[in-house]
Amino acid sequence: MGHVKPDPSHLEALEGITFMTDRDGVIMAIGARNWDAFCVDNGAPDLAASDVIGRNLFDYVSGKPVRAQIREALDKLAKSPENSWVMPFRCDAPGRQRHMRQSVTPVFRDRKCTGFFFQSIELASHDRPPIDLFDFKEMARKAANSSDLPLIKMCSWCQKVLFTPVTNDDWVEAEEYYAAGGSSNVRISHGICAPCAEKASSL
């Protein structure tokens, strides 16, 4: 993708969810058709392409460790047009589990990194009984209304959760968390589990 300008018509022709940022992470162009359809399917029509172009990518990344990890990855990518970063991740809705893969490549002009191209492809998905932890708007509402709720950690990549009183020191699937007695009356802190941190650092 080196030397490709942020052309929305070009992004529309590509598979999956695509967007381009400048060097600082400002979103410059989006493959709007797939992006908007995904937002509606995931219960976030307010994040339509027209609403996020011009915003910074990091406005939508929760958790300091996650933001730091992505910034570090982008800094590494910016060193060479031959670099790329590929990460598997989950992007679940309450009633749907999604396994996806994100690839990020730098855009170079005149031997200088001027931005990044992001592409996320859905690898597999299936419906399931709704899981409250993935209703992020409702979880945010609960957190805003009560700072006394217990705090659990969720990995931003694999979406496993860690809550020591329920899961001990293990990161587990949300279904396992509930099966062990976990509650939806919690606040979520986004972080990175050790296996995902190791994968992400392999750039």
Foldseek 3Di string as FASTA:
>chain_A
DAPDDQDLVVQLPDPAWKFKDWLQQQTAYTNQPRVCVVCVVQVHNVVGPVNRHRPGPVVPDAAPQVVVLVNVVSVVLFQDQPDKAKAWFWQDHQFKTWIKMKMKHFYDDPSGTTIIMIGIHTDDMDTDHGDLLRNVVVLVVLCVVDVPFAEWEAERGHRFIDDCVQPNGDGHHSVSSVVSPHDSNHHYHYHHDPVRSVSSVPD
